[in-house]
Amino acid sequence: MPGLIGKKIGMTSVFGADGKNLPCTVIEAGPCVVTQLRTVEKDGYAAVQLAYDETTEKHTSAPLMGHFKKAGTNPMRKLVEFKADFEGELKLGDKFSVADVFSEEMFVDVTGTSKGRGFQGVVHRHGFAGVGGQTHGQHNRLRHPGSMGASSWPSRVLPGMRMAGHMGNARVKVENLQIIKIIPENNLLVVKGSVPGAKGSYVIIEA
């Protein structure tokens, strides 16, 4: 299995073998259930669909209830596809926990949705330093962006100009996070470093 769906629990710190204090993120990874198998012949690509976080029938749509009943499992909140060819190796309803997929000292990639920051200015969004003097089109506005470019030519703002705008609430992938510890009885994964998203948000962990 190339990965699992999980939920960010929060951050903590542990002491490494060399005595250094390591910042870590605790993730509840799985258990996940196989709810669909895609093949090249039928769908044009090979993938396995996993479901995570059990919910009630009341909060599940009728089409999804049929989907879960076909797989022989309870309704779930989160569905994710992992591209891989497992034809003949897996069947609907198979379950995978954190110990089945990961091991300590492995490096994983974690994908999540970053915290939404709303509409932010250039100082917060892009790290602009603010005005250093009364120049560069700034005058007396400390946190304003200043000059947008030449006025004579091309007489327009070029694409890609860093400006104020919507910040956060975007899909972010952090690569090569080392697994510090696995707690299989609680399906917990402790990885070194930070993971995008708020506490309780869904993340995708790929080996």
Protein backbone atom coordinates (compact mmCIF):
# COMPACT_ATOMS: atom_id res chain seq x y z
CA MET A 1 0.00 0.00 0.00
CA PRO A 2 1.52 3.35 -1.03
CA GLY A 3 -0.06 5.31 1.80
CA LEU A 4 -2.92 5.96 4.21
CA ILE A 5 -5.43 8.66 5.11
CA GLY A 6 -5.03 10.22 8.52
CA LYS A 7 -5.96 13.04 10.83
CA LYS A 8 -3.63 15.60 12.40
CA ILE A 9 -3.80 15.30 16.19
CA GLY A 10 -1.34 18.03 17.13
CA MET A 11 2.31 18.77 17.82
CA THR A 12 4.67 17.65 20.57
CA SER A 13 8.40 17.13 21.04
CA VAL A 14 10.57 14.10 21.78
CA PHE A 15 14.21 13.63 22.69
CA GLY A 16 16.36 11.91 20.08
CA ALA A 17 19.18 9.43 20.72
CA ASP A 18 21.68 12.29 20.71
CA GLY A 19 19.72 14.18 23.38
CA LYS A 20 18.33 16.81 21.02
CA ASN A 21 14.73 17.96 21.43
CA LEU A 22 12.88 17.24 18.16
CA PRO A 23 9.62 19.01 17.21
CA CYS A 24 7.13 16.37 16.03
CA THR A 25 3.59 16.05 14.70
CA VAL A 26 1.25 13.29 15.89
CA ILE A 27 -1.00 11.83 13.17
CA GLU A 28 -3.75 9.26 13.52
CA ALA A 29 -3.18 7.14 10.40
CA GLY A 30 -5.93 4.69 9.55
CA PRO A 31 -7.41 2.19 9.82
CA CYS A 32 -8.42 2.57 6.17
CA VAL A 33 -10.75 0.35 4.15
CA VAL A 34 -10.50 -0.52 0.45
CA THR A 35 -13.73 0.70 -1.15
CA GLN A 36 -12.88 0.56 -4.87
CA LEU A 37 -10.27 -0.92 -7.21
CA ARG A 38 -9.66 0.80 -10.55
CA THR A 39 -8.05 -1.05 -13.46
CA VAL A 40 -6.50 0.02 -16.76
CA GLU A 41 -8.99 -2.08 -18.74
CA LYS A 42 -12.09 -0.60 -17.12
CA ASP A 43 -11.07 2.90 -15.96
CA GLY A 44 -7.99 3.72 -18.03
CA TYR A 45 -5.68 3.81 -15.00
CA ALA A 46 -4.82 1.64 -12.01
CA ALA A 47 -5.59 2.86 -8.50
CA VAL A 48 -6.98 1.83 -5.14
CA GLN A 49 -9.56 3.91 -3.27
CA LEU A 50 -9.31 4.03 0.52
CA ALA A 51 -11.92 5.29 2.98
CA TYR A 52 -11.28 6.65 6.49
CA ASP A 53 -13.13 8.02 9.54
CA GLU A 54 -16.39 6.18 10.14
CA THR A 55 -19.62 8.19 10.16
CA THR A 56 -23.38 7.49 10.30
CA GLU A 57 -25.89 6.73 7.55
CA LYS A 58 -27.71 9.95 8.44
CA HIS A 59 -24.73 12.01 7.30
CA THR A 60 -24.07 9.98 4.13
CA SER A 61 -25.74 10.48 0.76
CA ALA A 62 -27.70 7.64 -0.86
CA PRO A 63 -25.21 7.13 -3.75
CA LEU A 64 -22.33 6.88 -1.27
CA MET A 65 -24.26 4.44 0.90
CA GLY A 66 -24.60 2.17 -2.13
CA HIS A 67 -20.88 2.56 -2.77
CA PHE A 68 -20.00 1.51 0.80
CA LYS A 69 -22.49 -1.37 0.86
CA LYS A 70 -20.91 -2.74 -2.30
CA ALA A 71 -17.56 -2.72 -0.50
CA GLY A 72 -19.14 -4.31 2.58
CA THR A 73 -18.11 -1.56 4.96
CA ASN A 74 -19.63 1.16 7.13
CA PRO A 75 -20.01 4.69 5.72
CA MET A 76 -16.88 6.82 5.91
CA ARG A 77 -16.20 10.56 5.79
CA LYS A 78 -13.03 10.71 3.66
CA LEU A 79 -12.25 8.96 0.35
CA VAL A 80 -8.86 9.13 -1.37
CA GLU A 81 -7.37 7.34 -4.40
CA PHE A 82 -3.78 6.12 -4.47
CA LYS A 83 -2.39 5.36 -7.92
CA ALA A 84 -0.93 1.86 -7.90
CA ASP A 85 -1.59 -1.48 -9.58
CA PHE A 86 -2.88 -3.99 -7.00
CA GLU A 87 -4.97 -6.17 -9.31
CA GLY A 88 -5.35 -9.61 -7.79
CA GLU A 89 -3.66 -8.63 -4.52
CA LEU A 90 -6.48 -6.68 -2.87
CA LYS A 91 -10.22 -7.07 -2.55
CA LEU A 92 -13.02 -4.76 -1.43
CA GLY A 93 -13.30 -4.46 2.34
CA ASP A 94 -9.61 -5.07 3.11
CA LYS A 95 -8.38 -2.99 6.06
CA PHE A 96 -4.97 -1.42 6.58
CA SER A 97 -3.60 0.07 9.79
CA VAL A 98 -0.51 2.17 10.43
CA ALA A 99 1.71 -0.85 11.23
CA ASP A 100 0.78 -2.55 7.93
CA VAL A 101 2.14 0.29 5.80
CA PHE A 102 4.79 2.21 7.75
CA SER A 103 7.80 1.45 9.92
CA GLU A 104 10.05 3.55 12.11
CA GLU A 105 12.87 5.52 10.45
CA MET A 106 10.92 5.61 7.15
CA PHE A 107 10.53 8.90 5.28
CA VAL A 108 7.03 9.92 4.20
CA ASP A 109 5.31 12.72 2.27
CA VAL A 110 2.34 14.36 3.97
CA THR A 111 -0.33 16.34 2.10
CA GLY A 112 -2.89 18.55 3.83
CA THR A 113 -4.86 21.79 3.56
CA SER A 114 -3.08 24.71 5.15
CA LYS A 115 -4.82 27.00 7.64
CA GLY A 116 -6.87 29.76 6.00
CA ARG A 117 -5.58 33.27 6.76
CA GLY A 118 -8.17 35.25 4.82
CA PHE A 119 -7.24 38.41 2.90
CA GLN A 120 -3.71 39.50 3.87
CA GLY A 121 -1.40 42.31 2.85
CA VAL A 122 2.01 41.98 1.21
CA VAL A 123 3.97 42.14 4.49
CA HIS A 124 2.21 39.08 5.91
CA ARG A 125 1.59 37.23 2.64
CA HIS A 126 4.97 37.70 0.91
CA GLY A 127 7.29 38.95 3.62
CA PHE A 128 7.73 42.50 2.28
CA ALA A 129 9.82 44.60 4.67
CA GLY A 130 7.64 47.69 4.46
CA VAL A 131 8.92 51.17 3.70
CA GLY A 132 12.53 51.88 4.53
CA GLY A 133 12.30 55.53 3.56
CA GLN A 134 10.17 57.99 1.60
CA THR A 135 10.93 56.43 -1.78
CA HIS A 136 10.04 53.72 -4.30
CA GLY A 137 6.46 54.97 -4.67
CA GLN A 138 5.83 54.46 -0.96
CA HIS A 139 5.42 57.98 0.48
CA ASN A 140 4.13 57.49 4.05
CA ARG A 141 2.28 54.15 4.01
CA LEU A 142 4.35 51.68 6.03
CA ARG A 143 2.78 48.35 5.03
CA HIS A 144 1.73 49.15 1.45
CA PRO A 145 3.35 47.36 -1.51
CA GLY A 146 4.82 50.44 -3.20
CA SER A 147 5.55 50.70 -6.92
CA MET A 148 3.96 48.07 -9.19
CA GLY A 149 6.36 48.65 -12.09
CA ALA A 150 7.20 51.06 -14.91
CA SER A 151 4.58 53.65 -15.85
CA SER A 152 5.79 54.42 -19.40
CA TRP A 153 6.14 50.84 -20.69
CA PRO A 154 4.40 48.40 -20.64
CA SER A 155 1.89 50.65 -18.82
CA ARG A 156 0.30 47.71 -17.04
CA VAL A 157 0.94 45.42 -14.09
CA LEU A 158 2.75 42.28 -15.25
CA PRO A 159 1.34 38.82 -14.40
CA GLY A 160 2.75 37.23 -11.27
CA MET A 161 3.18 40.50 -9.38
CA ARG A 162 3.15 39.80 -5.64
CA MET A 163 0.20 41.62 -4.12
CA ALA A 164 -2.27 41.43 -1.25
CA GLY A 165 -4.86 38.68 -1.52
CA HIS A 166 -6.22 35.38 -0.26
CA MET A 167 -3.68 33.52 1.88
CA GLY A 168 -3.73 29.90 3.06
CA ASN A 169 -6.49 27.29 2.67
CA ALA A 170 -4.41 25.63 -0.08
CA ARG A 171 -3.26 22.07 -0.72
CA VAL A 172 0.29 21.75 0.63
CA LYS A 173 2.65 18.77 0.40
CA VAL A 174 5.61 18.39 2.78
CA GLU A 175 8.16 15.83 1.62
CA ASN A 176 10.66 13.58 3.41
CA LEU A 177 9.39 13.71 6.98
CA GLN A 178 11.05 11.05 9.11
CA ILE A 179 8.89 8.71 11.19
CA ILE A 180 10.13 8.94 14.77
CA LYS A 181 7.72 6.53 16.41
CA ILE A 182 4.72 4.30 15.65
CA ILE A 183 2.06 3.47 18.27
CA PRO A 184 0.09 0.67 16.54
CA GLU A 185 -2.47 0.11 19.32
CA ASN A 186 -3.74 3.68 18.84
CA ASN A 187 -2.94 3.95 15.08
CA LEU A 188 -0.63 6.87 15.82
CA LEU A 189 2.29 8.07 13.74
CA VAL A 190 4.86 10.52 15.11
CA VAL A 191 6.77 12.33 12.37
CA LYS A 192 9.60 14.82 12.68
CA GLY A 193 8.67 18.40 11.79
CA SER A 194 5.42 20.18 11.02
CA VAL A 195 2.48 19.14 8.88
CA PRO A 196 0.09 21.53 7.07
CA GLY A 197 -3.39 22.05 8.46
CA ALA A 198 -5.24 22.64 11.72
CA LYS A 199 -5.76 20.09 14.46
CA GLY A 200 -8.34 17.52 13.39
CA SER A 201 -7.85 18.14 9.67
CA TYR A 202 -7.40 15.27 7.20
CA VAL A 203 -3.96 14.49 5.78
CA ILE A 204 -2.67 12.00 3.22
CA ILE A 205 0.50 10.10 4.17
CA GLU A 206 2.47 8.54 1.31
CA ALA A 207 5.47 6.25 1.71
